[in-house]
């Protein structure tokens, strides 16, 4: 049995990290590189970085910031934000990222998933799916326009899997940044539809929130491979290692962060 992963998430806007509620980018946390050095010093064993910088160009040169990051980090990195082409995805991997994160292109050009998988392997692709609950439906959310679409998320999940994505990164926009706990209803909604590794994201506030969603998933026999969080690590003293240790002591098979055990 694979052990559960605890993954911090970062929203990068130019050279700084931002974080708000429901994908708001209004609050600046601080410079990107010092925060990454903190995670590196804590032996975080996986990190998600989403580039939310405005006016992103369509060429691969806009990812050159990654070379500064990979020059001092050893933790596996997953990088996303406006990836539209195979050359962009390839450049991100060449610069040292382990995985690329695709979002809107899943709907716009799903064949890109297949192209990346053929060149770099399915394990290199994370399909990011942002979800908002509207009129008792779980709909696809466009973070750039801050609007939901009319598309039920199950169709997007189906497309991502059929075209060759290696993982699903599922975010509850309604909970994201709010520190209200994970959305049990959303996880239950997708339980029979995901047959590849699932990273679940949005709402974590404390160690107990992580344990609660794991207990729920176990009771419902729902696949859960990783839990991701941003605010609870950036706005409190809680660390991924402390969450991992808490879960380990609760007999949850979790990937341990060695220098904290």
Protein backbone atom coordinates (compact mmCIF):
# COMPACT_ATOMS: atom_id res chain seq x y z
CA UNK A 1 0.00 0.00 0.00
CA UNK A 2 1.37 3.42 -0.98
CA UNK A 3 1.69 5.87 1.87
CA UNK A 4 -0.35 9.07 1.93
CA UNK A 5 1.55 12.23 0.97
CA UNK A 6 1.25 15.67 2.59
CA UNK A 7 1.94 18.36 -0.03
CA UNK A 8 2.30 22.11 0.59
CA UNK A 9 1.00 24.34 -2.22
CA UNK A 10 2.31 27.74 -3.29
CA UNK A 11 0.73 30.36 -5.55
CA UNK A 12 3.52 32.31 -7.25
CA UNK A 13 2.89 35.79 -8.64
CA UNK A 14 6.08 37.02 -10.31
CA UNK A 15 8.72 36.83 -7.54
CA UNK A 16 6.34 36.68 -4.58
CA UNK A 17 3.95 34.20 -3.00
CA UNK A 18 0.30 35.21 -2.72
CA UNK A 19 -2.63 33.67 -0.91
CA UNK A 20 -6.23 34.61 -0.25
CA UNK A 21 -9.61 32.96 -0.01
CA UNK A 22 -11.30 31.15 -2.91
CA UNK A 23 -8.26 31.63 -5.16
CA UNK A 24 -7.97 35.33 -4.41
CA UNK A 25 -4.44 36.54 -5.15
CA UNK A 26 -4.73 39.75 -3.13
CA UNK A 27 -2.55 38.96 -0.11
CA UNK A 28 1.21 38.89 -0.51
CA UNK A 29 2.93 36.36 1.77
CA UNK A 30 6.50 37.26 0.88
CA UNK A 31 9.31 36.53 -1.60
CA UNK A 32 9.22 33.12 -3.27
CA UNK A 33 12.81 31.94 -2.80
CA UNK A 34 13.04 32.40 1.00
CA UNK A 35 9.81 30.45 1.49
CA UNK A 36 11.12 27.64 -0.69
CA UNK A 37 14.31 27.56 1.36
CA UNK A 38 12.19 27.13 4.49
CA UNK A 39 10.41 24.15 2.95
CA UNK A 40 13.75 22.76 1.80
CA UNK A 41 15.19 23.06 5.32
CA UNK A 42 12.16 21.22 6.70
CA UNK A 43 12.77 18.28 4.37
CA UNK A 44 9.39 18.63 2.67
CA UNK A 45 9.33 15.73 0.25
CA UNK A 46 7.00 17.22 -2.37
CA UNK A 47 5.83 20.71 -3.33
CA UNK A 48 3.24 22.15 -5.72
CA UNK A 49 3.89 25.58 -7.28
CA UNK A 50 1.21 27.28 -9.39
CA UNK A 51 2.31 30.38 -11.34
CA UNK A 52 -0.59 32.87 -11.23
CA UNK A 53 1.41 35.78 -12.65
CA UNK A 54 -0.61 38.03 -15.01
CA UNK A 55 0.23 38.55 -18.67
CA UNK A 56 1.95 35.22 -19.02
CA UNK A 57 3.53 34.73 -22.42
CA UNK A 58 2.94 31.66 -24.53
CA UNK A 59 6.59 30.64 -24.81
CA UNK A 60 8.69 28.43 -22.62
CA UNK A 61 11.08 31.24 -21.57
CA UNK A 62 8.61 32.44 -18.95
CA UNK A 63 9.45 29.38 -16.84
CA UNK A 64 13.14 30.30 -16.49
CA UNK A 65 12.50 31.30 -12.85
CA UNK A 66 12.42 27.58 -12.16
CA UNK A 67 16.18 27.31 -12.75
CA UNK A 68 16.77 29.45 -9.63
CA UNK A 69 14.51 27.18 -7.61
CA UNK A 70 16.01 23.88 -8.71
CA UNK A 71 19.53 25.18 -8.13
CA UNK A 72 19.09 24.71 -4.37
CA UNK A 73 16.08 22.43 -3.88
CA UNK A 74 16.10 18.65 -3.78
CA UNK A 75 12.40 18.11 -3.09
CA UNK A 76 10.23 16.93 -5.99
CA UNK A 77 8.41 19.85 -7.62
CA UNK A 78 5.14 19.95 -9.53
CA UNK A 79 4.71 23.15 -11.53
CA UNK A 80 1.68 24.62 -13.27
CA UNK A 81 0.14 27.84 -14.46
CA UNK A 82 -0.98 28.50 -18.02
CA UNK A 83 0.76 25.55 -19.65
CA UNK A 84 -0.57 25.30 -23.21
CA UNK A 85 2.07 23.51 -25.30
CA UNK A 86 4.31 20.47 -25.30
CA UNK A 87 7.39 22.69 -25.53
CA UNK A 88 6.37 24.51 -22.34
CA UNK A 89 5.81 21.25 -20.49
CA UNK A 90 9.11 19.88 -21.74
CA UNK A 91 10.96 23.02 -20.70
CA UNK A 92 9.56 22.79 -17.16
CA UNK A 93 10.78 19.21 -16.87
CA UNK A 94 14.17 20.12 -18.39
CA UNK A 95 14.53 22.81 -15.72
CA UNK A 96 14.13 20.21 -13.00
CA UNK A 97 10.44 19.86 -12.19
CA UNK A 98 9.20 16.30 -11.75
CA UNK A 99 5.63 16.96 -12.91
CA UNK A 100 3.64 19.52 -14.85
CA UNK A 101 0.19 20.63 -13.77
CA UNK A 102 -2.42 21.20 -16.46
CA UNK A 103 -5.70 23.01 -15.88
CA UNK A 104 -7.76 24.85 -18.50
CA UNK A 105 -6.00 23.07 -21.36
CA UNK A 106 -7.71 19.83 -20.27
CA UNK A 107 -10.90 21.24 -21.80
CA UNK A 108 -9.30 23.31 -24.55
CA UNK A 109 -6.83 20.77 -25.94
CA UNK A 110 -6.94 17.40 -24.15
CA UNK A 111 -4.65 15.83 -26.74
CA UNK A 112 -1.82 17.78 -25.11
CA UNK A 113 -2.10 15.38 -22.17
CA UNK A 114 -1.43 12.48 -24.52
CA UNK A 115 1.49 14.27 -26.19
CA UNK A 116 3.18 14.95 -22.84
CA UNK A 117 2.51 11.40 -21.67
CA UNK A 118 4.07 9.95 -24.83
CA UNK A 119 7.22 12.03 -24.39
CA UNK A 120 7.64 12.13 -20.60
CA UNK A 121 5.29 9.48 -19.23
CA UNK A 122 1.86 9.75 -17.58
CA UNK A 123 3.51 10.03 -14.18
CA UNK A 124 4.72 13.51 -15.19
CA UNK A 125 1.20 14.93 -15.61
CA UNK A 126 -1.15 16.23 -12.92
CA UNK A 127 -4.63 17.24 -14.07
CA UNK A 128 -5.75 20.16 -11.90
CA UNK A 129 -9.52 20.41 -11.56
CA UNK A 130 -11.02 23.35 -9.67
CA UNK A 131 -14.54 22.84 -8.38
CA UNK A 132 -17.23 25.11 -7.02
CA UNK A 133 -20.61 24.09 -5.68
CA UNK A 134 -23.47 25.97 -7.35
CA UNK A 135 -27.16 25.14 -6.96
CA UNK A 136 -26.26 21.73 -5.50
CA UNK A 137 -24.04 20.90 -8.46
CA UNK A 138 -20.27 20.51 -8.56
CA UNK A 139 -19.15 22.63 -11.50
CA UNK A 140 -15.82 23.34 -13.13
CA UNK A 141 -14.38 26.69 -12.01
CA UNK A 142 -12.19 29.02 -14.07
CA UNK A 143 -9.85 30.76 -11.62
CA UNK A 144 -8.75 33.37 -14.18
CA UNK A 145 -12.26 34.69 -14.83
CA UNK A 146 -13.40 33.84 -11.28
CA UNK A 147 -16.49 32.21 -12.76
CA UNK A 148 -17.88 28.72 -12.84
CA UNK A 149 -18.73 26.99 -16.09
CA UNK A 150 -21.76 24.82 -16.82
CA UNK A 151 -19.52 21.75 -16.98
CA UNK A 152 -19.99 19.05 -14.37
CA UNK A 153 -16.58 18.07 -13.04
CA UNK A 154 -17.11 14.38 -13.72
CA UNK A 155 -16.74 14.99 -17.44
CA UNK A 156 -13.41 16.75 -16.93
CA UNK A 157 -12.19 13.94 -14.69
CA UNK A 158 -13.16 11.46 -17.40
CA UNK A 159 -11.29 13.41 -20.09
CA UNK A 160 -8.14 13.76 -17.98
CA UNK A 161 -7.99 10.04 -17.30
CA UNK A 162 -8.83 8.91 -20.82
CA UNK A 163 -6.13 11.12 -22.36
CA UNK A 164 -3.40 9.90 -20.03
CA UNK A 165 -3.02 12.06 -16.93
CA UNK A 166 -1.13 10.42 -14.08
CA UNK A 167 -2.83 12.17 -11.17
CA UNK A 168 -5.86 14.31 -10.37
CA UNK A 169 -5.37 17.46 -8.27
CA UNK A 170 -8.87 18.24 -7.05
CA UNK A 171 -9.51 21.60 -5.37
CA UNK A 172 -12.65 22.75 -3.59
CA UNK A 173 -12.71 26.45 -4.48
CA UNK A 174 -15.42 27.07 -1.89
CA UNK A 175 -13.03 25.88 0.84
CA UNK A 176 -9.70 26.97 -0.65
CA UNK A 177 -7.91 29.41 1.65
CA UNK A 178 -10.84 29.51 4.08
CA UNK A 179 -9.47 27.01 6.63
CA UNK A 180 -12.92 25.47 7.19
CA UNK A 181 -11.87 21.86 6.81
CA UNK A 182 -11.92 19.67 3.72
CA UNK A 183 -15.14 19.27 1.72
CA UNK A 184 -16.51 15.79 2.50
CA UNK A 185 -19.36 16.10 0.00
CA UNK A 186 -17.10 16.80 -2.97
CA UNK A 187 -14.86 13.85 -2.14
CA UNK A 188 -17.90 11.62 -1.84
CA UNK A 189 -19.21 12.89 -5.19
CA UNK A 190 -16.14 11.76 -7.12
CA UNK A 191 -15.50 8.55 -5.19
CA UNK A 192 -16.40 6.11 -7.97
CA UNK A 193 -15.04 8.17 -10.86
CA UNK A 194 -11.31 8.45 -10.19
CA UNK A 195 -9.06 5.49 -10.96
CA UNK A 196 -5.68 7.25 -10.85
CA UNK A 197 -3.94 8.83 -7.82
CA UNK A 198 -5.91 11.66 -6.22
CA UNK A 199 -4.47 14.76 -4.54
CA UNK A 200 -7.24 16.45 -2.54
CA UNK A 201 -6.96 20.16 -1.74
CA UNK A 202 -8.86 22.98 -0.11
CA UNK A 203 -9.83 23.87 3.43
CA UNK A 204 -7.27 22.39 5.81
CA UNK A 205 -6.76 24.37 9.02
CA UNK A 206 -5.20 22.01 11.54
CA UNK A 207 -3.89 18.47 12.02
CA UNK A 208 -7.35 17.19 12.91
CA UNK A 209 -8.74 18.26 9.53
CA UNK A 210 -6.28 15.95 7.79
CA UNK A 211 -7.24 13.03 10.01
CA UNK A 212 -10.97 13.70 9.61
CA UNK A 213 -10.92 13.56 5.81
CA UNK A 214 -8.76 10.42 5.88
CA UNK A 215 -11.18 8.71 8.28
CA UNK A 216 -14.07 9.71 6.03
CA UNK A 217 -12.33 8.37 2.93
CA UNK A 218 -11.53 5.09 4.66
CA UNK A 219 -15.12 4.61 5.83
CA UNK A 220 -16.45 5.31 2.34
CA UNK A 221 -13.73 3.27 0.63
CA UNK A 222 -12.60 6.34 -1.33
CA UNK A 223 -9.18 6.45 -2.91
CA UNK A 224 -7.03 9.20 -1.40
CA UNK A 225 -3.34 9.37 -2.27
CA UNK A 226 -2.32 12.83 -1.06
CA UNK A 227 -3.63 15.85 0.81
CA UNK A 228 -2.49 19.31 -0.22
CA UNK A 229 -2.72 22.58 1.70
CA UNK A 230 -1.47 26.14 1.55
CA UNK A 231 -2.97 28.50 4.13
CA UNK A 232 -2.56 26.23 7.13
CA UNK A 233 1.19 26.04 6.47
CA UNK A 234 1.65 29.70 5.49
CA UNK A 235 -0.50 31.41 8.14
CA UNK A 236 0.34 29.26 11.15
CA UNK A 237 3.28 27.48 12.74
CA UNK A 238 1.98 24.10 11.56
CA UNK A 239 4.41 22.21 9.33
CA UNK A 240 3.93 19.28 6.94
CA UNK A 241 6.19 17.21 9.20
CA UNK A 242 3.94 17.82 12.19
CA UNK A 243 0.90 16.73 10.19
CA UNK A 244 2.73 13.61 9.03
CA UNK A 245 3.80 12.76 12.56
CA UNK A 246 0.26 13.29 13.89
CA UNK A 247 -1.15 10.95 11.25
CA UNK A 248 1.62 8.42 11.82
CA UNK A 249 0.75 8.31 15.53
CA UNK A 250 -2.89 7.78 14.53
CA UNK A 251 -1.79 4.67 12.59
CA UNK A 252 -2.30 6.26 9.18
CA UNK A 253 0.19 5.00 6.56
CA UNK A 254 1.79 8.33 5.71
CA UNK A 255 5.06 9.24 4.07
CA UNK A 256 7.28 10.39 6.91
CA UNK A 257 9.52 13.43 6.82
CA UNK A 258 12.63 11.90 8.31
CA UNK A 259 14.34 14.71 10.17
CA UNK A 260 11.22 15.29 12.24
CA UNK A 261 10.58 11.73 13.40
